[in-house]
Amino acid sequence: MALQLQKPIAFIDLETTGTNLGTDRIVEIAIVRIGKDNSRTVKRKLINPEMPIPVGASDVHGITDEMVRDAPSFRQVANEMKQFLDNCDLAGYNSNRFDIPLLVEEFLRAGLEFEVGSRRLLDVQKIFHLMEQRTLSAAYKFYCNKTLDGAHSAEVDATATWEVLEAQLVRYPQLGDTVDSIIKFIGEEQIVDFARRFVFQNGVEVFNFGKHKGRPVTEVLKSEPQYYDWMMKGDFPLHTKQKLTEILNRTLLKKS
């Protein structure tokens, strides 16, 4: 069963200096862009993270400081990447919790807002977690009957994720053959901010951490306005701060 696309879909994989959304940086990005006709275009770049790559991270993906010394920074390629992703839905393996959030952070650091609200976010890992084991290598072996050579190369991982989805469509016809039908099957998470500092509760944004956990964000901002300043000065991801500001501005507009 071939995936029926209403718009292009981009499979994204990042290799990074670590897993902290607020402080870690991309060292390699690969995007496999699948067109509406199922044509495939690949963009891959090594990125200078402008910080040392920890040995532990290099041990995982094999990318060292020396390899990225002359590579462009993300800021230098941000416009190119944004244009390549224009009008694309986004997909990957654990992408809703890692690759897309970290990519959004990098765009914000580069002074670009990367809008995700109108895009469908398809995390192929969620299908696998519902159905089978839980690593990309295992998924590739299970669905494609191939060994994933070069795992933790961003391009290899992004391409393998696309191949896994193609095989999942054949194995699980109940998924349907559109991005909408797949997301309906696996469940669509309503995301406020990618770090999950806020979550929706009955359609209302509430805090998901700290002393105000479970309280509506607007309620806290009204009763304790200094909490906004504390968060904006704190070590929170830029996307979290952006969403907090949006909620505050929405609250102020309602007053006027």
C-alpha atoms as a PDB file:
ATOM      1  CA  MET A   1       0.000   0.000   0.000  1.00  0.00           C
ATOM      2  CA  ALA A   2       1.508   3.323  -1.060  1.00  0.00           C
ATOM      3  CA  LEU A   3       1.106   6.407   1.115  1.00  0.00           C
ATOM      4  CA  GLN A   4      -1.347   8.835  -0.481  1.00  0.00           C
ATOM      5  CA  LEU A   5      -0.084  12.358   0.090  1.00  0.00           C
ATOM      6  CA  GLN A   6      -2.065  15.581  -0.096  1.00  0.00           C
ATOM      7  CA  LYS A   7       1.155  17.541   0.425  1.00  0.00           C
ATOM      8  CA  PRO A   8       4.856  16.610   0.664  1.00  0.00           C
ATOM      9  CA  ILE A   9       6.100  14.963   3.849  1.00  0.00           C
ATOM     10  CA  ALA A  10       9.620  15.437   5.225  1.00  0.00           C
ATOM     11  CA  PHE A  11      11.332  12.737   7.277  1.00  0.00           C
ATOM     12  CA  ILE A  12      13.797  14.435   9.619  1.00  0.00           C
ATOM     13  CA  ASP A  13      16.669  12.983  11.598  1.00  0.00           C
ATOM     14  CA  LEU A  14      19.133  14.926  13.725  1.00  0.00           C
ATOM     15  CA  GLU A  15      22.423  14.019  15.329  1.00  0.00           C
ATOM     16  CA  THR A  16      23.197  16.355  18.202  1.00  0.00           C
ATOM     17  CA  THR A  17      25.521  17.266  21.054  1.00  0.00           C
ATOM     18  CA  GLY A  18      23.001  15.771  23.510  1.00  0.00           C
ATOM     19  CA  THR A  19      19.323  15.524  24.368  1.00  0.00           C
ATOM     20  CA  ASN A  20      18.618  18.787  26.227  1.00  0.00           C
ATOM     21  CA  LEU A  21      16.227  20.877  24.117  1.00  0.00           C
ATOM     22  CA  GLY A  22      17.348  24.122  25.704  1.00  0.00           C
ATOM     23  CA  THR A  23      21.120  23.739  25.512  1.00  0.00           C
ATOM     24  CA  ASP A  24      22.122  21.097  22.969  1.00  0.00           C
ATOM     25  CA  ARG A  25      22.772  21.716  19.283  1.00  0.00           C
ATOM     26  CA  ILE A  26      22.548  19.943  15.936  1.00  0.00           C
ATOM     27  CA  VAL A  27      25.737  18.460  14.449  1.00  0.00           C
ATOM     28  CA  GLU A  28      24.098  16.735  11.476  1.00  0.00           C
ATOM     29  CA  ILE A  29      20.708  17.098   9.830  1.00  0.00           C
ATOM     30  CA  ALA A  30      19.173  14.941   7.141  1.00  0.00           C
ATOM     31  CA  ILE A  31      15.792  15.497   5.537  1.00  0.00           C
ATOM     32  CA  VAL A  32      14.201  12.987   3.188  1.00  0.00           C
ATOM     33  CA  ARG A  33      11.444  14.908   1.400  1.00  0.00           C
ATOM     34  CA  ILE A  34       8.764  12.726  -0.180  1.00  0.00           C
ATOM     35  CA  GLY A  35       6.721  14.488  -2.848  1.00  0.00           C
ATOM     36  CA  LYS A  36       3.031  13.978  -3.572  1.00  0.00           C
ATOM     37  CA  ASP A  37       4.113  11.632  -6.381  1.00  0.00           C
ATOM     38  CA  ASN A  38       6.302   9.690  -3.889  1.00  0.00           C
ATOM     39  CA  SER A  39       9.479  11.134  -5.426  1.00  0.00           C
ATOM     40  CA  ARG A  40      12.364  11.395  -2.976  1.00  0.00           C
ATOM     41  CA  THR A  41      14.739  14.329  -2.426  1.00  0.00           C
ATOM     42  CA  VAL A  42      17.458  14.237   0.223  1.00  0.00           C
ATOM     43  CA  LYS A  43      19.215  17.130   1.932  1.00  0.00           C
ATOM     44  CA  ARG A  44      22.010  16.366   4.399  1.00  0.00           C
ATOM     45  CA  LYS A  45      24.447  18.686   6.133  1.00  0.00           C
ATOM     46  CA  LEU A  46      27.040  18.546   8.854  1.00  0.00           C
ATOM     47  CA  ILE A  47      26.519  21.504  11.197  1.00  0.00           C
ATOM     48  CA  ASN A  48      29.037  23.306  13.380  1.00  0.00           C
ATOM     49  CA  PRO A  49      27.257  23.422  16.773  1.00  0.00           C
ATOM     50  CA  GLU A  50      29.503  26.273  17.965  1.00  0.00           C
ATOM     51  CA  MET A  51      30.200  24.283  21.116  1.00  0.00           C
ATOM     52  CA  PRO A  52      32.337  21.212  21.878  1.00  0.00           C
ATOM     53  CA  ILE A  53      30.747  17.868  21.020  1.00  0.00           C
ATOM     54  CA  PRO A  54      30.848  15.681  24.158  1.00  0.00           C
ATOM     55  CA  VAL A  55      32.788  12.446  23.794  1.00  0.00           C
ATOM     56  CA  GLY A  56      29.688  10.479  24.763  1.00  0.00           C
ATOM     57  CA  ALA A  57      27.732  12.007  21.879  1.00  0.00           C
ATOM     58  CA  SER A  58      30.574  11.367  19.414  1.00  0.00           C
ATOM     59  CA  ASP A  59      30.655   7.740  20.563  1.00  0.00           C
ATOM     60  CA  VAL A  60      27.007   7.416  19.490  1.00  0.00           C
ATOM     61  CA  HIS A  61      26.999   9.135  16.092  1.00  0.00           C
ATOM     62  CA  GLY A  62      30.693   9.245  15.201  1.00  0.00           C
ATOM     63  CA  ILE A  63      30.792  12.997  14.551  1.00  0.00           C
ATOM     64  CA  THR A  64      33.709  14.833  16.145  1.00  0.00           C
ATOM     65  CA  ASP A  65      34.724  18.466  16.609  1.00  0.00           C
ATOM     66  CA  GLU A  66      37.280  18.067  13.812  1.00  0.00           C
ATOM     67  CA  MET A  67      34.625  16.879  11.353  1.00  0.00           C
ATOM     68  CA  VAL A  68      32.428  19.972  11.857  1.00  0.00           C
ATOM     69  CA  ARG A  69      35.163  22.576  12.304  1.00  0.00           C
ATOM     70  CA  ASP A  70      34.651  23.995   8.793  1.00  0.00           C
ATOM     71  CA  ALA A  71      30.942  23.179   8.551  1.00  0.00           C
ATOM     72  CA  PRO A  72      28.340  25.977   8.530  1.00  0.00           C
ATOM     73  CA  SER A  73      26.480  26.913  11.686  1.00  0.00           C
ATOM     74  CA  PHE A  74      22.750  26.262  11.757  1.00  0.00           C
ATOM     75  CA  ARG A  75      22.121  29.997  11.508  1.00  0.00           C
ATOM     76  CA  GLN A  76      23.960  29.979   8.161  1.00  0.00           C
ATOM     77  CA  VAL A  77      21.762  27.230   6.680  1.00  0.00           C
ATOM     78  CA  ALA A  78      18.498  28.003   8.486  1.00  0.00           C
ATOM     79  CA  ASN A  79      16.802  29.763   5.555  1.00  0.00           C
ATOM     80  CA  GLU A  80      17.778  26.965   3.183  1.00  0.00           C
ATOM     81  CA  MET A  81      16.346  24.344   5.551  1.00  0.00           C
ATOM     82  CA  LYS A  82      13.164  26.312   6.143  1.00  0.00           C
ATOM     83  CA  GLN A  83      12.563  26.657   2.398  1.00  0.00           C
ATOM     84  CA  PHE A  84      13.219  22.935   1.855  1.00  0.00           C
ATOM     85  CA  LEU A  85      10.572  22.144   4.482  1.00  0.00           C
ATOM     86  CA  ASP A  86       8.064  24.652   3.097  1.00  0.00           C
ATOM     87  CA  ASN A  87       4.524  23.234   2.842  1.00  0.00           C
ATOM     88  CA  CYS A  88       5.645  19.854   4.207  1.00  0.00           C
ATOM     89  CA  ASP A  89       4.105  17.706   6.873  1.00  0.00           C
ATOM     90  CA  LEU A  90       6.821  16.433   9.228  1.00  0.00           C
ATOM     91  CA  ALA A  91       7.770  12.900  10.186  1.00  0.00           C
ATOM     92  CA  GLY A  92      10.533  10.955  11.863  1.00  0.00           C
ATOM     93  CA  TYR A  93      11.320   8.364  14.492  1.00  0.00           C
ATOM     94  CA  ASN A  94      10.629   9.759  17.973  1.00  0.00           C
ATOM     95  CA  SER A  95      10.465  13.052  16.102  1.00  0.00           C
ATOM     96  CA  ASN A  96       7.618  14.608  18.096  1.00  0.00           C
ATOM     97  CA  ARG A  97       9.677  14.419  21.282  1.00  0.00           C
ATOM     98  CA  PHE A  98      13.166  15.071  19.963  1.00  0.00           C
ATOM     99  CA  ASP A  99      13.965  15.945  16.341  1.00  0.00           C
ATOM    100  CA  ILE A 100      11.175  18.444  15.674  1.00  0.00           C
ATOM    101  CA  PRO A 101      11.387  20.198  19.080  1.00  0.00           C
ATOM    102  CA  LEU A 102      15.158  20.582  18.790  1.00  0.00           C
ATOM    103  CA  LEU A 103      14.875  21.771  15.184  1.00  0.00           C
ATOM    104  CA  VAL A 104      12.301  24.399  16.204  1.00  0.00           C
ATOM    105  CA  GLU A 105      14.702  25.582  18.925  1.00  0.00           C
ATOM    106  CA  GLU A 106      17.496  25.972  16.368  1.00  0.00           C
ATOM    107  CA  PHE A 107      15.241  27.987  14.057  1.00  0.00           C
ATOM    108  CA  LEU A 108      14.271  30.279  16.937  1.00  0.00           C
ATOM    109  CA  ARG A 109      17.933  30.790  17.882  1.00  0.00           C
ATOM    110  CA  ALA A 110      18.545  31.760  14.265  1.00  0.00           C
ATOM    111  CA  GLY A 111      15.788  34.369  14.499  1.00  0.00           C
ATOM    112  CA  LEU A 112      13.317  32.399  12.367  1.00  0.00           C
ATOM    113  CA  GLU A 113       9.898  31.216  13.443  1.00  0.00           C
ATOM    114  CA  PHE A 114       9.206  27.742  12.091  1.00  0.00           C
ATOM    115  CA  GLU A 115       5.456  27.286  12.116  1.00  0.00           C
ATOM    116  CA  VAL A 116       4.233  23.780  12.958  1.00  0.00           C
ATOM    117  CA  GLY A 117       0.587  24.413  13.818  1.00  0.00           C
ATOM    118  CA  SER A 118      -0.672  23.836  10.258  1.00  0.00           C
ATOM    119  CA  ARG A 119       1.488  20.756   9.674  1.00  0.00           C
ATOM    120  CA  ARG A 120       0.675  17.141  10.468  1.00  0.00           C
ATOM    121  CA  LEU A 121       3.346  15.597  12.720  1.00  0.00           C
ATOM    122  CA  LEU A 122       3.719  11.881  12.033  1.00  0.00           C
ATOM    123  CA  ASP A 123       5.930  10.017  14.500  1.00  0.00           C
ATOM    124  CA  VAL A 124       6.598   6.586  12.979  1.00  0.00           C
ATOM    125  CA  GLN A 125       7.875   5.315  16.339  1.00  0.00           C
ATOM    126  CA  LYS A 126       4.331   5.538  17.711  1.00  0.00           C
ATOM    127  CA  ILE A 127       3.103   2.944  15.195  1.00  0.00           C
ATOM    128  CA  PHE A 128       5.961   0.647  16.156  1.00  0.00           C
ATOM    129  CA  HIS A 129       5.312   1.100  19.879  1.00  0.00           C
ATOM    130  CA  LEU A 130       1.680   0.200  19.362  1.00  0.00           C
ATOM    131  CA  MET A 131       2.526  -2.878  17.328  1.00  0.00           C
ATOM    132  CA  GLU A 132       6.025  -4.264  17.953  1.00  0.00           C
ATOM    133  CA  GLN A 133       9.489  -3.666  19.523  1.00  0.00           C
ATOM    134  CA  ARG A 134      10.921  -0.217  20.132  1.00  0.00           C
ATOM    135  CA  THR A 135      14.150   0.737  18.323  1.00  0.00           C
ATOM    136  CA  LEU A 136      14.659   1.968  14.763  1.00  0.00           C
ATOM    137  CA  SER A 137      17.150  -0.839  14.050  1.00  0.00           C
ATOM    138  CA  ALA A 138      14.632  -3.402  15.300  1.00  0.00           C
ATOM    139  CA  ALA A 139      11.838  -1.742  13.312  1.00  0.00           C
ATOM    140  CA  TYR A 140      13.969  -1.786  10.155  1.00  0.00           C
ATOM    141  CA  LYS A 141      14.786  -5.463  10.623  1.00  0.00           C
ATOM    142  CA  PHE A 142      11.192  -6.373  11.467  1.00  0.00           C
ATOM    143  CA  TYR A 143       9.421  -4.459   8.714  1.00  0.00           C
ATOM    144  CA  CYS A 144      12.028  -4.327   5.941  1.00  0.00           C
ATOM    145  CA  ASN A 145      13.981  -7.519   6.762  1.00  0.00           C
ATOM    146  CA  LYS A 146      17.203  -5.528   6.454  1.00  0.00           C
ATOM    147  CA  THR A 147      20.038  -4.727   8.821  1.00  0.00           C
ATOM    148  CA  LEU A 148      20.411  -1.013   9.488  1.00  0.00           C
ATOM    149  CA  ASP A 149      24.026  -0.326   8.547  1.00  0.00           C
ATOM    150  CA  GLY A 150      25.199   3.127   9.569  1.00  0.00           C
ATOM    151  CA  ALA A 151      22.635   3.691  12.321  1.00  0.00           C
ATOM    152  CA  HIS A 152      23.036   7.167  13.863  1.00  0.00           C
ATOM    153  CA  SER A 153      23.965   8.628  10.514  1.00  0.00           C
ATOM    154  CA  ALA A 154      21.179  11.168  10.099  1.00  0.00           C
ATOM    155  CA  GLU A 155      20.564  10.381   6.417  1.00  0.00           C
ATOM    156  CA  VAL A 156      20.569   6.612   7.009  1.00  0.00           C
ATOM    157  CA  ASP A 157      18.123   6.968   9.906  1.00  0.00           C
ATOM    158  CA  ALA A 158      15.755   9.350   8.082  1.00  0.00           C
ATOM    159  CA  THR A 159      15.691   7.130   4.980  1.00  0.00           C
ATOM    160  CA  ALA A 160      15.166   3.994   7.079  1.00  0.00           C
ATOM    161  CA  THR A 161      12.230   5.668   8.840  1.00  0.00           C
ATOM    162  CA  TRP A 162      10.542   6.337   5.486  1.00  0.00           C
ATOM    163  CA  GLU A 163      11.108   2.709   4.444  1.00  0.00           C
ATOM    164  CA  VAL A 164       9.693   1.483   7.770  1.00  0.00           C
ATOM    165  CA  LEU A 165       6.526   3.549   7.237  1.00  0.00           C
ATOM    166  CA  GLU A 166       6.139   2.152   3.714  1.00  0.00           C
ATOM    167  CA  ALA A 167       6.383  -1.385   5.117  1.00  0.00           C
ATOM    168  CA  GLN A 168       3.977  -0.579   7.966  1.00  0.00           C
ATOM    169  CA  LEU A 169       1.346   0.504   5.436  1.00  0.00           C
ATOM    170  CA  VAL A 170       1.560  -2.947   3.856  1.00  0.00           C
ATOM    171  CA  ARG A 171       1.532  -4.853   7.156  1.00  0.00           C
ATOM    172  CA  TYR A 172      -1.240  -2.829   8.802  1.00  0.00           C
ATOM    173  CA  PRO A 173      -3.908  -1.948   6.220  1.00  0.00           C
ATOM    174  CA  GLN A 174      -6.008  -0.581   9.092  1.00  0.00           C
ATOM    175  CA  LEU A 175      -3.654   2.424   9.109  1.00  0.00           C
ATOM    176  CA  GLY A 176      -5.144   3.600   5.821  1.00  0.00           C
ATOM    177  CA  ASP A 177      -2.972   5.297   3.242  1.00  0.00           C
ATOM    178  CA  THR A 178      -3.054   8.981   4.162  1.00  0.00           C
ATOM    179  CA  VAL A 179      -1.244  10.995   6.806  1.00  0.00           C
ATOM    180  CA  ASP A 180      -4.623  11.908   8.328  1.00  0.00           C
ATOM    181  CA  SER A 181      -5.760   8.275   8.586  1.00  0.00           C
ATOM    182  CA  ILE A 182      -2.466   7.200  10.175  1.00  0.00           C
ATOM    183  CA  ILE A 183      -2.518   9.976  12.771  1.00  0.00           C
ATOM    184  CA  LYS A 184      -6.168   9.192  13.538  1.00  0.00           C
ATOM    185  CA  PHE A 185      -5.157   5.563  14.163  1.00  0.00           C
ATOM    186  CA  ILE A 186      -2.144   6.251  16.402  1.00  0.00           C
ATOM    187  CA  GLY A 187      -3.703   9.259  18.130  1.00  0.00           C
ATOM    188  CA  GLU A 188      -2.777  12.898  17.668  1.00  0.00           C
ATOM    189  CA  GLU A 189      -1.111  14.545  20.635  1.00  0.00           C
ATOM    190  CA  GLN A 190      -2.206  18.106  21.282  1.00  0.00           C
ATOM    191  CA  ILE A 191       1.086  19.891  21.812  1.00  0.00           C
ATOM    192  CA  VAL A 192       1.371  23.247  23.550  1.00  0.00           C
ATOM    193  CA  ASP A 193       5.170  23.386  23.797  1.00  0.00           C
ATOM    194  CA  PHE A 194       7.551  20.647  22.735  1.00  0.00           C
ATOM    195  CA  ALA A 195       9.215  20.419  26.147  1.00  0.00           C
ATOM    196  CA  ARG A 196       5.797  19.582  27.640  1.00  0.00           C
ATOM    197  CA  ARG A 197       6.056  22.279  30.307  1.00  0.00           C
ATOM    198  CA  PHE A 198       2.435  23.033  29.409  1.00  0.00           C
ATOM    199  CA  VAL A 199      -0.269  20.559  28.413  1.00  0.00           C
ATOM    200  CA  PHE A 200      -3.897  20.801  27.392  1.00  0.00           C
ATOM    201  CA  GLN A 201      -6.480  19.820  29.982  1.00  0.00           C
ATOM    202  CA  ASN A 202     -10.057  20.014  28.725  1.00  0.00           C
ATOM    203  CA  GLY A 203      -8.864  22.349  25.981  1.00  0.00           C
ATOM    204  CA  VAL A 204      -7.095  24.718  28.404  1.00  0.00           C
ATOM    205  CA  GLU A 205      -3.314  25.149  28.705  1.00  0.00           C
ATOM    206  CA  VAL A 206      -2.153  24.155  32.200  1.00  0.00           C
ATOM    207  CA  PHE A 207       1.259  23.932  33.825  1.00  0.00           C
ATOM    208  CA  ASN A 208       2.826  20.476  33.706  1.00  0.00           C
ATOM    209  CA  PHE A 209       5.587  21.052  36.264  1.00  0.00           C
ATOM    210  CA  GLY A 210       6.427  22.738  39.535  1.00  0.00           C
ATOM    211  CA  LYS A 211       4.233  24.278  42.187  1.00  0.00           C
ATOM    212  CA  HIS A 212       1.544  25.278  39.682  1.00  0.00           C
ATOM    213  CA  LYS A 213       1.224  21.868  38.034  1.00  0.00           C
ATOM    214  CA  GLY A 214      -2.362  21.358  36.868  1.00  0.00           C
ATOM    215  CA  ARG A 215      -3.314  25.043  37.140  1.00  0.00           C
ATOM    216  CA  PRO A 216      -4.360  27.007  34.047  1.00  0.00           C
ATOM    217  CA  VAL A 217      -1.505  29.136  32.732  1.00  0.00           C
ATOM    218  CA  THR A 218      -3.750  32.186  32.327  1.00  0.00           C
ATOM    219  CA  GLU A 219      -4.871  31.901  35.950  1.00  0.00           C
ATOM    220  CA  VAL A 220      -1.277  31.856  37.227  1.00  0.00           C
ATOM    221  CA  LEU A 221      -0.226  34.748  34.992  1.00  0.00           C
ATOM    222  CA  LYS A 222      -3.079  36.855  36.391  1.00  0.00           C
ATOM    223  CA  SER A 223      -2.488  36.019  40.064  1.00  0.00           C
ATOM    224  CA  GLU A 224       1.316  35.831  39.941  1.00  0.00           C
ATOM    225  CA  PRO A 225       2.581  37.919  36.989  1.00  0.00           C
ATOM    226  CA  GLN A 226       6.179  37.663  38.211  1.00  0.00           C
ATOM    227  CA  TYR A 227       6.070  33.946  37.331  1.00  0.00           C
ATOM    228  CA  TYR A 228       6.196  34.978  33.674  1.00  0.00           C
ATOM    229  CA  ASP A 229       9.421  36.922  34.269  1.00  0.00           C
ATOM    230  CA  TRP A 230      10.914  34.008  36.199  1.00  0.00           C
ATOM    231  CA  MET A 231      10.264  31.614  33.325  1.00  0.00           C
ATOM    232  CA  MET A 232      11.495  34.022  30.662  1.00  0.00           C
ATOM    233  CA  LYS A 233      14.781  34.469  32.548  1.00  0.00           C
ATOM    234  CA  GLY A 234      15.093  30.751  33.296  1.00  0.00           C
ATOM    235  CA  ASP A 235      16.752  27.921  31.390  1.00  0.00           C
ATOM    236  CA  PHE A 236      13.618  26.933  29.491  1.00  0.00           C
ATOM    237  CA  PRO A 237      13.562  26.143  25.759  1.00  0.00           C
ATOM    238  CA  LEU A 238      12.832  29.091  23.483  1.00  0.00           C
ATOM    239  CA  HIS A 239       9.712  27.366  22.167  1.00  0.00           C
ATOM    240  CA  THR A 240       8.346  27.117  25.727  1.00  0.00           C
ATOM    241  CA  LYS A 241       8.989  30.834  26.249  1.00  0.00           C
ATOM    242  CA  GLN A 242       7.392  31.635  22.901  1.00  0.00           C
ATOM    243  CA  LYS A 243       4.219  29.757  23.828  1.00  0.00           C
ATOM    244  CA  LEU A 244       4.118  31.356  27.285  1.00  0.00           C
ATOM    245  CA  THR A 245       4.307  34.782  25.656  1.00  0.00           C
ATOM    246  CA  GLU A 246       1.538  33.861  23.216  1.00  0.00           C
ATOM    247  CA  ILE A 247      -0.710  32.839  26.121  1.00  0.00           C
ATOM    248  CA  LEU A 248       0.109  36.071  27.982  1.00  0.00           C
ATOM    249  CA  ASN A 249      -0.598  38.216  24.909  1.00  0.00           C
ATOM    250  CA  ARG A 250      -3.879  36.403  24.359  1.00  0.00           C
ATOM    251  CA  THR A 251      -4.818  37.119  27.977  1.00  0.00           C
ATOM    252  CA  LEU A 252      -3.962  40.813  27.600  1.00  0.00           C
ATOM    253  CA  LEU A 253      -6.029  41.076  24.408  1.00  0.00           C
ATOM    254  CA  LYS A 254      -9.061  39.692  26.235  1.00  0.00           C
ATOM    255  CA  LYS A 255      -8.708  42.448  28.844  1.00  0.00           C
ATOM    256  CA  SER A 256      -8.666  45.243  26.263  1.00  0.00           C
END
